[in-house]
Amino acid sequence: MPSKVSCLYILTVVCWASALWYLSISRPTSYTYVGHMSIPIRKTVKPHKNLTFTNIRTRTLNPHAFEYIINEPKKCESITPFLVILISTTHKEFDARQAIRETWGDESTFADVHILTVFLLGRNTDEVLNQMVDQESQIFHDIVVEDFIDSYHNLTLKTLMGMRWVATFCPKAQYVMKTDSDIFVNMDNLIYKYFTGYVINGGPIRDMRSKWYMSRDLYPESKYPPFCSGTGYVFSADVAELIFKTSLHTRLLHLEDVYVGLCLHKLGIHPYQNRRFLSEASINYWITMMHLEDLAFGDANVNHI
């Protein structure tokens, strides 16, 4: 009479044999049979002749899965704008938005050129302010809001929201400008070529006391790619889609203008220097930053200009 150990051994062998037999008949094979021999054929994938950006599949780092709270999807439906102006603003800046609507952002300024003005906002933690912006939107139809928290740290998300909006709802626009609500733009002096603005060459500031602090974990390199000052830059509309799609696979940085420059670097697009964007405000901004950093941190890495 067989022992218990022998019975367990035989039962184990039978189970494994049954499992292997089941897998052999259930898994699809790509074998070509010749007689009783099976020869595996390695399938070769033909490369795409016209490889485009949309063919590339990589792991998404920033899905930008925010919903529109307020949107103007039909703003470009009946026209092809020469210029779309994306203006980063906050909920309390109604007076600034109204001043822009009545001056340089007036969409009817040029009779022979279509210009669209779009104000970009996130969601405020104060529900009263959200309701006020919603009422303003119903009157002027020039506000776009996504459901991320509107804050300085999320300025990058706000800019990418604008890129996404142009790429989705206004892809035929010839040019796009991104600017802030506290900037005055001389529309007559704009030059629309590629990606242009006041180009800055610099590196990250490592001192945590600085407003522009950048940790080594977030950005380990010692230099930033050339980038345009976030006070204002102009680019062709097709670049908006490229930047937005590149951002899906590029780690977010809280410094918006640096981040856009990083996306341009990945795309192989070099921003062109245009000193007409060099306003008194931007000069004071960078000189003050350098002066304060030099005083506070001595030999800190300050080389933004």
C-alpha atoms as a PDB file:
ATOM      1  CA  MET A   1       0.000   0.000   0.000  1.00  0.00           C
ATOM      2  CA  PRO A   2       1.553   3.337  -1.038  1.00  0.00           C
ATOM      3  CA  SER A   3       2.478   5.769   1.731  1.00  0.00           C
ATOM      4  CA  LYS A   4       0.866   9.171   2.269  1.00  0.00           C
ATOM      5  CA  VAL A   5       4.027  10.912   0.990  1.00  0.00           C
ATOM      6  CA  SER A   6       3.875   8.936  -2.257  1.00  0.00           C
ATOM      7  CA  CYS A   7       0.213   9.821  -2.734  1.00  0.00           C
ATOM      8  CA  LEU A   8       0.893  13.540  -2.188  1.00  0.00           C
ATOM      9  CA  TYR A   9       3.812  13.399  -4.634  1.00  0.00           C
ATOM     10  CA  ILE A  10       1.679  11.718  -7.310  1.00  0.00           C
ATOM     11  CA  LEU A  11      -1.167  14.219  -6.723  1.00  0.00           C
ATOM     12  CA  THR A  12       1.241  17.159  -7.098  1.00  0.00           C
ATOM     13  CA  VAL A  13       2.632  15.792 -10.360  1.00  0.00           C
ATOM     14  CA  VAL A  14      -0.891  15.253 -11.736  1.00  0.00           C
ATOM     15  CA  CYS A  15      -1.916  18.821 -10.818  1.00  0.00           C
ATOM     16  CA  TRP A  16       1.126  20.381 -12.494  1.00  0.00           C
ATOM     17  CA  ALA A  17       0.659  18.222 -15.604  1.00  0.00           C
ATOM     18  CA  SER A  18      -2.991  19.268 -15.830  1.00  0.00           C
ATOM     19  CA  ALA A  19      -2.089  22.940 -15.451  1.00  0.00           C
ATOM     20  CA  LEU A  20       0.591  22.767 -18.147  1.00  0.00           C
ATOM     21  CA  TRP A  21      -1.778  20.939 -20.497  1.00  0.00           C
ATOM     22  CA  TYR A  22      -4.476  23.596 -19.936  1.00  0.00           C
ATOM     23  CA  LEU A  23      -2.053  26.442 -20.637  1.00  0.00           C
ATOM     24  CA  SER A  24      -0.747  24.758 -23.777  1.00  0.00           C
ATOM     25  CA  ILE A  25      -4.211  24.557 -25.355  1.00  0.00           C
ATOM     26  CA  SER A  26      -5.560  27.913 -24.105  1.00  0.00           C
ATOM     27  CA  ARG A  27      -2.671  30.267 -24.986  1.00  0.00           C
ATOM     28  CA  PRO A  28      -2.615  31.539 -28.563  1.00  0.00           C
ATOM     29  CA  THR A  29       0.498  30.662 -30.497  1.00  0.00           C
ATOM     30  CA  SER A  30       2.165  32.235 -33.475  1.00  0.00           C
ATOM     31  CA  TYR A  31       3.772  29.012 -34.742  1.00  0.00           C
ATOM     32  CA  THR A  32       3.904  27.767 -38.302  1.00  0.00           C
ATOM     33  CA  TYR A  33       3.648  23.988 -38.365  1.00  0.00           C
ATOM     34  CA  VAL A  34       5.836  21.952 -40.705  1.00  0.00           C
ATOM     35  CA  GLY A  35       4.982  18.264 -40.393  1.00  0.00           C
ATOM     36  CA  HIS A  36       5.248  17.416 -36.705  1.00  0.00           C
ATOM     37  CA  MET A  37       7.693  20.239 -35.957  1.00  0.00           C
ATOM     38  CA  SER A  38       6.652  23.647 -34.601  1.00  0.00           C
ATOM     39  CA  ILE A  39       8.888  26.558 -35.536  1.00  0.00           C
ATOM     40  CA  PRO A  40       8.253  29.893 -33.777  1.00  0.00           C
ATOM     41  CA  ILE A  41       8.221  32.884 -36.112  1.00  0.00           C
ATOM     42  CA  ARG A  42       9.433  36.232 -34.739  1.00  0.00           C
ATOM     43  CA  LYS A  43       7.180  38.963 -36.028  1.00  0.00           C
ATOM     44  CA  THR A  44       8.953  42.131 -37.165  1.00  0.00           C
ATOM     45  CA  VAL A  45       7.280  45.481 -36.728  1.00  0.00           C
ATOM     46  CA  LYS A  46       7.670  47.830 -39.652  1.00  0.00           C
ATOM     47  CA  PRO A  47       8.674  51.337 -38.568  1.00  0.00           C
ATOM     48  CA  HIS A  48       6.287  54.153 -39.374  1.00  0.00           C
ATOM     49  CA  LYS A  49       7.577  56.211 -42.260  1.00  0.00           C
ATOM     50  CA  ASN A  50       5.895  59.416 -41.096  1.00  0.00           C
ATOM     51  CA  LEU A  51       6.561  59.427 -37.371  1.00  0.00           C
ATOM     52  CA  THR A  52       4.889  62.420 -35.754  1.00  0.00           C
ATOM     53  CA  PHE A  53       4.622  63.701 -32.207  1.00  0.00           C
ATOM     54  CA  THR A  54       1.218  62.049 -31.808  1.00  0.00           C
ATOM     55  CA  ASN A  55       2.709  58.625 -32.584  1.00  0.00           C
ATOM     56  CA  ILE A  56       4.961  58.734 -29.549  1.00  0.00           C
ATOM     57  CA  ARG A  57       3.649  56.792 -26.557  1.00  0.00           C
ATOM     58  CA  THR A  58       5.402  57.363 -23.260  1.00  0.00           C
ATOM     59  CA  ARG A  59       4.375  57.274 -19.638  1.00  0.00           C
ATOM     60  CA  THR A  60       2.207  60.271 -18.739  1.00  0.00           C
ATOM     61  CA  LEU A  61       3.576  62.245 -15.795  1.00  0.00           C
ATOM     62  CA  ASN A  62       1.062  65.091 -15.831  1.00  0.00           C
ATOM     63  CA  PRO A  63      -2.290  63.958 -17.254  1.00  0.00           C
ATOM     64  CA  HIS A  64      -3.823  67.423 -16.653  1.00  0.00           C
ATOM     65  CA  ALA A  65      -7.158  65.760 -15.915  1.00  0.00           C
ATOM     66  CA  PHE A  66      -8.923  68.941 -14.826  1.00  0.00           C
ATOM     67  CA  GLU A  67     -12.482  69.691 -15.872  1.00  0.00           C
ATOM     68  CA  TYR A  68     -13.618  73.051 -17.221  1.00  0.00           C
ATOM     69  CA  ILE A  69     -15.796  74.889 -14.711  1.00  0.00           C
ATOM     70  CA  ILE A  70     -16.287  77.798 -17.107  1.00  0.00           C
ATOM     71  CA  ASN A  71     -15.532  77.433 -20.792  1.00  0.00           C
ATOM     72  CA  GLU A  72     -16.060  79.215 -24.105  1.00  0.00           C
ATOM     73  CA  PRO A  73     -15.844  76.304 -26.572  1.00  0.00           C
ATOM     74  CA  LYS A  74     -17.558  78.222 -29.420  1.00  0.00           C
ATOM     75  CA  LYS A  75     -15.493  81.399 -29.188  1.00  0.00           C
ATOM     76  CA  CYS A  76     -13.458  80.451 -32.296  1.00  0.00           C
ATOM     77  CA  GLU A  77     -16.230  78.597 -34.097  1.00  0.00           C
ATOM     78  CA  SER A  78     -17.140  81.257 -36.653  1.00  0.00           C
ATOM     79  CA  ILE A  79     -13.772  83.017 -37.078  1.00  0.00           C
ATOM     80  CA  THR A  80     -10.082  82.218 -37.536  1.00  0.00           C
ATOM     81  CA  PRO A  81      -8.252  84.548 -35.159  1.00  0.00           C
ATOM     82  CA  PHE A  82      -5.000  86.177 -36.120  1.00  0.00           C
ATOM     83  CA  LEU A  83      -4.083  86.388 -32.430  1.00  0.00           C
ATOM     84  CA  VAL A  84      -5.414  84.767 -29.262  1.00  0.00           C
ATOM     85  CA  ILE A  85      -4.361  86.582 -26.082  1.00  0.00           C
ATOM     86  CA  LEU A  86      -4.233  84.344 -22.987  1.00  0.00           C
ATOM     87  CA  ILE A  87      -4.241  86.491 -19.852  1.00  0.00           C
ATOM     88  CA  SER A  88      -3.396  84.985 -16.463  1.00  0.00           C
ATOM     89  CA  THR A  89      -5.531  86.659 -13.813  1.00  0.00           C
ATOM     90  CA  THR A  90      -7.079  86.122 -10.374  1.00  0.00           C
ATOM     91  CA  HIS A  91     -10.642  86.365  -9.136  1.00  0.00           C
ATOM     92  CA  LYS A  92     -10.285  89.743  -7.403  1.00  0.00           C
ATOM     93  CA  GLU A  93      -8.810  91.472 -10.463  1.00  0.00           C
ATOM     94  CA  PHE A  94     -12.120  92.483 -12.057  1.00  0.00           C
ATOM     95  CA  ASP A  95     -10.984  96.089 -12.515  1.00  0.00           C
ATOM     96  CA  ALA A  96      -7.832  94.953 -14.318  1.00  0.00           C
ATOM     97  CA  ARG A  97      -9.826  92.652 -16.611  1.00  0.00           C
ATOM     98  CA  GLN A  98     -12.271  95.420 -17.418  1.00  0.00           C
ATOM     99  CA  ALA A  99      -9.450  97.852 -18.166  1.00  0.00           C
ATOM    100  CA  ILE A 100      -7.953  95.323 -20.591  1.00  0.00           C
ATOM    101  CA  ARG A 101     -11.328  94.807 -22.291  1.00  0.00           C
ATOM    102  CA  GLU A 102     -11.629  98.549 -22.832  1.00  0.00           C
ATOM    103  CA  THR A 103      -8.023  99.170 -24.003  1.00  0.00           C
ATOM    104  CA  TRP A 104      -5.425  96.895 -25.571  1.00  0.00           C
ATOM    105  CA  GLY A 105      -7.530  93.727 -25.177  1.00  0.00           C
ATOM    106  CA  ASP A 106     -10.528  95.138 -27.025  1.00  0.00           C
ATOM    107  CA  GLU A 107     -11.394  92.490 -29.631  1.00  0.00           C
ATOM    108  CA  SER A 108     -12.795  95.135 -31.999  1.00  0.00           C
ATOM    109  CA  THR A 109      -9.667  97.335 -32.061  1.00  0.00           C
ATOM    110  CA  PHE A 110      -8.501  96.150 -35.481  1.00  0.00           C
ATOM    111  CA  ALA A 111     -11.151  95.977 -38.196  1.00  0.00           C
ATOM    112  CA  ASP A 112      -9.101  93.772 -40.524  1.00  0.00           C
ATOM    113  CA  VAL A 113      -7.611  91.446 -37.892  1.00  0.00           C
ATOM    114  CA  HIS A 114      -9.481  89.067 -35.588  1.00  0.00           C
ATOM    115  CA  ILE A 115      -8.173  89.164 -32.020  1.00  0.00           C
ATOM    116  CA  LEU A 116      -9.574  87.076 -29.170  1.00  0.00           C
ATOM    117  CA  THR A 117      -9.009  87.791 -25.493  1.00  0.00           C
ATOM    118  CA  VAL A 118      -9.293  84.958 -22.966  1.00  0.00           C
ATOM    119  CA  PHE A 119      -8.799  85.323 -19.200  1.00  0.00           C
ATOM    120  CA  LEU A 120      -7.433  82.265 -17.383  1.00  0.00           C
ATOM    121  CA  LEU A 121      -8.390  81.327 -13.823  1.00  0.00           C
ATOM    122  CA  GLY A 122      -8.454  78.357 -11.494  1.00  0.00           C
ATOM    123  CA  ARG A 123     -10.999  77.635  -8.783  1.00  0.00           C
ATOM    124  CA  ASN A 124     -10.990  79.920  -5.743  1.00  0.00           C
ATOM    125  CA  THR A 125     -11.486  78.640  -2.201  1.00  0.00           C
ATOM    126  CA  ASP A 126     -13.984  81.472  -1.657  1.00  0.00           C
ATOM    127  CA  GLU A 127     -17.282  80.415  -3.219  1.00  0.00           C
ATOM    128  CA  VAL A 128     -18.527  84.012  -3.359  1.00  0.00           C
ATOM    129  CA  LEU A 129     -15.623  84.969  -5.641  1.00  0.00           C
ATOM    130  CA  ASN A 130     -16.348  81.947  -7.844  1.00  0.00           C
ATOM    131  CA  GLN A 131     -19.964  83.081  -8.222  1.00  0.00           C
ATOM    132  CA  MET A 132     -18.874  86.638  -9.091  1.00  0.00           C
ATOM    133  CA  VAL A 133     -16.539  85.346 -11.815  1.00  0.00           C
ATOM    134  CA  ASP A 134     -19.324  83.118 -13.135  1.00  0.00           C
ATOM    135  CA  GLN A 135     -21.633  86.149 -13.447  1.00  0.00           C
ATOM    136  CA  GLU A 136     -18.848  88.130 -15.139  1.00  0.00           C
ATOM    137  CA  SER A 137     -18.366  85.275 -17.602  1.00  0.00           C
ATOM    138  CA  GLN A 138     -22.052  85.283 -18.527  1.00  0.00           C
ATOM    139  CA  ILE A 139     -21.755  88.959 -19.453  1.00  0.00           C
ATOM    140  CA  PHE A 140     -18.454  89.052 -21.358  1.00  0.00           C
ATOM    141  CA  HIS A 141     -17.912  85.410 -22.470  1.00  0.00           C
ATOM    142  CA  ASP A 142     -14.116  85.705 -22.290  1.00  0.00           C
ATOM    143  CA  ILE A 143     -13.245  83.664 -19.158  1.00  0.00           C
ATOM    144  CA  VAL A 144     -12.001  80.077 -18.912  1.00  0.00           C
ATOM    145  CA  VAL A 145     -11.737  78.281 -15.559  1.00  0.00           C
ATOM    146  CA  GLU A 146     -10.519  74.790 -14.665  1.00  0.00           C
ATOM    147  CA  ASP A 147     -11.067  73.039 -11.334  1.00  0.00           C
ATOM    148  CA  PHE A 148      -7.558  73.326  -9.875  1.00  0.00           C
ATOM    149  CA  ILE A 149      -6.973  75.718  -6.965  1.00  0.00           C
ATOM    150  CA  ASP A 150      -6.033  79.192  -8.197  1.00  0.00           C
ATOM    151  CA  SER A 151      -2.702  79.967  -6.515  1.00  0.00           C
ATOM    152  CA  TYR A 152       0.800  81.198  -7.306  1.00  0.00           C
ATOM    153  CA  HIS A 153       2.107  77.658  -7.042  1.00  0.00           C
ATOM    154  CA  ASN A 154      -0.355  76.548  -9.757  1.00  0.00           C
ATOM    155  CA  LEU A 155       0.569  79.194 -12.342  1.00  0.00           C
ATOM    156  CA  THR A 156       2.059  76.448 -14.502  1.00  0.00           C
ATOM    157  CA  LEU A 157      -1.290  74.629 -14.558  1.00  0.00           C
ATOM    158  CA  LYS A 158      -3.001  77.879 -15.512  1.00  0.00           C
ATOM    159  CA  THR A 159      -0.690  78.440 -18.482  1.00  0.00           C
ATOM    160  CA  LEU A 160      -1.083  74.824 -19.623  1.00  0.00           C
ATOM    161  CA  MET A 161      -4.852  75.247 -19.382  1.00  0.00           C
ATOM    162  CA  GLY A 162      -4.548  78.103 -21.868  1.00  0.00           C
ATOM    163  CA  MET A 163      -2.397  75.995 -24.193  1.00  0.00           C
ATOM    164  CA  ARG A 164      -4.917  73.178 -23.947  1.00  0.00           C
ATOM    165  CA  TRP A 165      -7.808  75.533 -24.698  1.00  0.00           C
ATOM    166  CA  VAL A 166      -6.133  76.899 -27.839  1.00  0.00           C
ATOM    167  CA  ALA A 167      -5.187  73.414 -29.044  1.00  0.00           C
ATOM    168  CA  THR A 168      -8.720  72.098 -28.453  1.00  0.00           C
ATOM    169  CA  PHE A 169     -11.061  74.949 -29.281  1.00  0.00           C
ATOM    170  CA  CYS A 170      -9.017  77.372 -31.389  1.00  0.00           C
ATOM    171  CA  PRO A 171      -6.391  75.327 -33.278  1.00  0.00           C
ATOM    172  CA  LYS A 172      -6.602  77.440 -36.439  1.00  0.00           C
ATOM    173  CA  ALA A 173      -5.471  80.636 -34.730  1.00  0.00           C
ATOM    174  CA  GLN A 174      -2.326  81.989 -36.343  1.00  0.00           C
ATOM    175  CA  TYR A 175      -0.611  83.282 -33.209  1.00  0.00           C
ATOM    176  CA  VAL A 176      -1.001  83.170 -29.455  1.00  0.00           C
ATOM    177  CA  MET A 177       0.236  85.525 -26.763  1.00  0.00           C
ATOM    178  CA  LYS A 178       0.363  84.713 -23.057  1.00  0.00           C
ATOM    179  CA  THR A 179       0.603  87.578 -20.590  1.00  0.00           C
ATOM    180  CA  ASP A 180      -0.549  88.738 -17.139  1.00  0.00           C
ATOM    181  CA  SER A 181      -3.402  91.025 -16.157  1.00  0.00           C
ATOM    182  CA  ASP A 182      -1.046  93.671 -14.727  1.00  0.00           C
ATOM    183  CA  ILE A 183       0.777  94.161 -18.038  1.00  0.00           C
ATOM    184  CA  PHE A 184      -0.002  96.756 -20.701  1.00  0.00           C
ATOM    185  CA  VAL A 185       0.577  95.463 -24.226  1.00  0.00           C
ATOM    186  CA  ASN A 186       1.287  97.846 -27.104  1.00  0.00           C
ATOM    187  CA  MET A 187      -0.577  95.911 -29.772  1.00  0.00           C
ATOM    188  CA  ASP A 188       0.818  98.009 -32.628  1.00  0.00           C
ATOM    189  CA  ASN A 189       4.393  97.005 -31.786  1.00  0.00           C
ATOM    190  CA  LEU A 190       3.868  93.262 -31.591  1.00  0.00           C
ATOM    191  CA  ILE A 191       5.987  91.113 -33.912  1.00  0.00           C
ATOM    192  CA  TYR A 192       4.517  87.675 -34.485  1.00  0.00           C
ATOM    193  CA  LYS A 193       7.246  85.135 -35.235  1.00  0.00           C
ATOM    194  CA  TYR A 194       7.710  81.664 -33.757  1.00  0.00           C
ATOM    195  CA  PHE A 195       8.170  81.933 -29.997  1.00  0.00           C
ATOM    196  CA  THR A 196       9.412  85.326 -28.971  1.00  0.00           C
ATOM    197  CA  GLY A 197       9.692  87.469 -25.879  1.00  0.00           C
ATOM    198  CA  TYR A 198      12.375  88.706 -23.510  1.00  0.00           C
ATOM    199  CA  VAL A 199      14.720  85.703 -23.405  1.00  0.00           C
ATOM    200  CA  ILE A 200      16.475  84.942 -20.118  1.00  0.00           C
ATOM    201  CA  ASN A 201      19.486  82.660 -19.644  1.00  0.00           C
ATOM    202  CA  GLY A 202      20.034  81.593 -16.061  1.00  0.00           C
ATOM    203  CA  GLY A 203      20.175  78.873 -13.479  1.00  0.00           C
ATOM    204  CA  PRO A 204      18.207  77.749 -10.419  1.00  0.00           C
ATOM    205  CA  ILE A 205      18.432  79.430  -7.034  1.00  0.00           C
ATOM    206  CA  ARG A 206      19.071  76.866  -4.317  1.00  0.00           C
ATOM    207  CA  ASP A 207      18.414  78.929  -1.176  1.00  0.00           C
ATOM    208  CA  MET A 208      15.044  78.015   0.363  1.00  0.00           C
ATOM    209  CA  ARG A 209      14.422  81.614   1.468  1.00  0.00           C
ATOM    210  CA  SER A 210      14.140  82.779  -2.129  1.00  0.00           C
ATOM    211  CA  LYS A 211      10.784  83.170  -3.868  1.00  0.00           C
ATOM    212  CA  TRP A 212      12.387  81.518  -6.908  1.00  0.00           C
ATOM    213  CA  TYR A 213      13.895  78.617  -4.929  1.00  0.00           C
ATOM    214  CA  MET A 214      14.297  75.419  -6.946  1.00  0.00           C
ATOM    215  CA  SER A 215      15.270  72.209  -5.162  1.00  0.00           C
ATOM    216  CA  ARG A 216      17.839  69.829  -6.631  1.00  0.00           C
ATOM    217  CA  ASP A 217      15.321  67.001  -6.407  1.00  0.00           C
ATOM    218  CA  LEU A 218      12.897  68.915  -8.601  1.00  0.00           C
ATOM    219  CA  TYR A 219      15.520  70.264 -11.016  1.00  0.00           C
ATOM    220  CA  PRO A 220      19.051  68.845 -10.583  1.00  0.00           C
ATOM    221  CA  GLU A 221      20.697  70.702 -13.498  1.00  0.00           C
ATOM    222  CA  SER A 222      22.804  73.820 -12.886  1.00  0.00           C
ATOM    223  CA  LYS A 223      21.357  75.776 -15.846  1.00  0.00           C
ATOM    224  CA  TYR A 224      17.880  76.409 -17.190  1.00  0.00           C
ATOM    225  CA  PRO A 225      17.223  76.210 -20.926  1.00  0.00           C
ATOM    226  CA  PRO A 226      16.629  79.680 -22.445  1.00  0.00           C
ATOM    227  CA  PHE A 227      13.149  80.854 -21.517  1.00  0.00           C
ATOM    228  CA  CYS A 228      10.979  83.925 -22.089  1.00  0.00           C
ATOM    229  CA  SER A 229       9.965  86.086 -19.156  1.00  0.00           C
ATOM    230  CA  GLY A 230       6.442  85.190 -18.068  1.00  0.00           C
ATOM    231  CA  THR A 231       5.443  88.863 -18.206  1.00  0.00           C
ATOM    232  CA  GLY A 232       4.640  88.294 -21.873  1.00  0.00           C
ATOM    233  CA  TYR A 233       5.578  86.208 -24.904  1.00  0.00           C
ATOM    234  CA  VAL A 234       4.157  85.467 -28.354  1.00  0.00           C
ATOM    235  CA  PHE A 235       4.147  82.174 -30.252  1.00  0.00           C
ATOM    236  CA  SER A 236       2.489  80.601 -33.266  1.00  0.00           C
ATOM    237  CA  ALA A 237      -0.690  78.653 -32.503  1.00  0.00           C
ATOM    238  CA  ASP A 238       0.760  75.274 -33.518  1.00  0.00           C
ATOM    239  CA  VAL A 239       3.365  75.653 -30.759  1.00  0.00           C
ATOM    240  CA  ALA A 240       0.560  75.712 -28.162  1.00  0.00           C
ATOM    241  CA  GLU A 241      -0.410  72.123 -28.994  1.00  0.00           C
ATOM    242  CA  LEU A 242       3.223  70.965 -28.993  1.00  0.00           C
ATOM    243  CA  ILE A 243       3.920  72.548 -25.597  1.00  0.00           C
ATOM    244  CA  PHE A 244       0.765  71.112 -24.066  1.00  0.00           C
ATOM    245  CA  LYS A 245       1.486  67.584 -25.326  1.00  0.00           C
ATOM    246  CA  THR A 246       5.102  67.834 -24.198  1.00  0.00           C
ATOM    247  CA  SER A 247       3.921  68.912 -20.744  1.00  0.00           C
ATOM    248  CA  LEU A 248       2.039  65.619 -20.361  1.00  0.00           C
ATOM    249  CA  HIS A 249       5.403  63.860 -20.159  1.00  0.00           C
ATOM    250  CA  THR A 250       7.442  66.563 -18.419  1.00  0.00           C
ATOM    251  CA  ARG A 251       7.652  66.925 -14.656  1.00  0.00           C
ATOM    252  CA  LEU A 252       5.882  70.086 -13.480  1.00  0.00           C
ATOM    253  CA  LEU A 253       7.861  73.049 -12.146  1.00  0.00           C
ATOM    254  CA  HIS A 254       6.181  75.838 -10.196  1.00  0.00           C
ATOM    255  CA  LEU A 255       8.138  78.524 -12.112  1.00  0.00           C
ATOM    256  CA  GLU A 256       5.854  78.841 -15.132  1.00  0.00           C
ATOM    257  CA  ASP A 257       8.184  80.656 -17.527  1.00  0.00           C
ATOM    258  CA  VAL A 258      11.059  78.265 -16.756  1.00  0.00           C
ATOM    259  CA  TYR A 259       8.762  75.280 -17.319  1.00  0.00           C
ATOM    260  CA  VAL A 260       7.575  76.526 -20.716  1.00  0.00           C
ATOM    261  CA  GLY A 261      11.244  77.052 -21.661  1.00  0.00           C
ATOM    262  CA  LEU A 262      11.969  73.462 -20.634  1.00  0.00           C
ATOM    263  CA  CYS A 263       9.164  72.208 -22.907  1.00  0.00           C
ATOM    264  CA  LEU A 264      10.521  74.321 -25.779  1.00  0.00           C
ATOM    265  CA  HIS A 265      13.975  72.839 -25.201  1.00  0.00           C
ATOM    266  CA  LYS A 266      12.548  69.317 -25.453  1.00  0.00           C
ATOM    267  CA  LEU A 267      10.828  70.284 -28.703  1.00  0.00           C
ATOM    268  CA  GLY A 268      14.010  71.796 -30.137  1.00  0.00           C
ATOM    269  CA  ILE A 269      12.400  75.244 -30.398  1.00  0.00           C
ATOM    270  CA  HIS A 270      14.682  78.140 -29.506  1.00  0.00           C
ATOM    271  CA  PRO A 271      12.913  81.293 -28.252  1.00  0.00           C
ATOM    272  CA  TYR A 272      13.913  84.429 -30.128  1.00  0.00           C
ATOM    273  CA  GLN A 273      15.014  87.519 -28.251  1.00  0.00           C
ATOM    274  CA  ASN A 274      12.675  90.481 -28.673  1.00  0.00           C
ATOM    275  CA  ARG A 275      13.696  93.441 -26.538  1.00  0.00           C
ATOM    276  CA  ARG A 276      10.384  95.179 -27.197  1.00  0.00           C
ATOM    277  CA  PHE A 277       9.093  92.937 -24.422  1.00  0.00           C
ATOM    278  CA  LEU A 278      11.670  94.401 -22.030  1.00  0.00           C
ATOM    279  CA  SER A 279       9.432  96.710 -20.010  1.00  0.00           C
ATOM    280  CA  GLU A 280      10.379  98.813 -17.007  1.00  0.00           C
ATOM    281  CA  ALA A 281       8.533  96.355 -14.794  1.00  0.00           C
ATOM    282  CA  SER A 282      10.505  93.350 -16.045  1.00  0.00           C
ATOM    283  CA  ILE A 283      13.809  95.238 -15.712  1.00  0.00           C
ATOM    284  CA  ASN A 284      13.033  96.157 -12.116  1.00  0.00           C
ATOM    285  CA  TYR A 285      11.864  92.610 -11.465  1.00  0.00           C
ATOM    286  CA  TRP A 286      15.104  90.934 -12.475  1.00  0.00           C
ATOM    287  CA  ILE A 287      17.463  93.626 -11.131  1.00  0.00           C
ATOM    288  CA  THR A 288      15.670  93.611  -7.773  1.00  0.00           C
ATOM    289  CA  MET A 289      15.797  89.835  -7.635  1.00  0.00           C
ATOM    290  CA  MET A 290      19.530  89.756  -8.354  1.00  0.00           C
ATOM    291  CA  HIS A 291      20.242  92.535  -5.871  1.00  0.00           C
ATOM    292  CA  LEU A 292      18.287  90.898  -3.052  1.00  0.00           C
ATOM    293  CA  GLU A 293      19.785  87.494  -3.705  1.00  0.00           C
ATOM    294  CA  ASP A 294      23.324  88.915  -3.751  1.00  0.00           C
ATOM    295  CA  LEU A 295      22.750  90.754  -0.477  1.00  0.00           C
ATOM    296  CA  ALA A 296      21.110  87.813   1.257  1.00  0.00           C
ATOM    297  CA  PHE A 297      23.059  84.863  -0.056  1.00  0.00           C
ATOM    298  CA  GLY A 298      26.428  86.195  -1.119  1.00  0.00           C
ATOM    299  CA  ASP A 299      27.809  83.792  -3.704  1.00  0.00           C
ATOM    300  CA  ALA A 300      24.476  82.129  -4.450  1.00  0.00           C
ATOM    301  CA  ASN A 301      23.936  81.050  -8.013  1.00  0.00           C
ATOM    302  CA  VAL A 302      22.212  84.140  -9.450  1.00  0.00           C
ATOM    303  CA  ASN A 303      22.619  84.464 -13.183  1.00  0.00           C
ATOM    304  CA  HIS A 304      19.161  84.950 -14.642  1.00  0.00           C
ATOM    305  CA  ILE A 305      20.117  87.731 -17.036  1.00  0.00           C
END
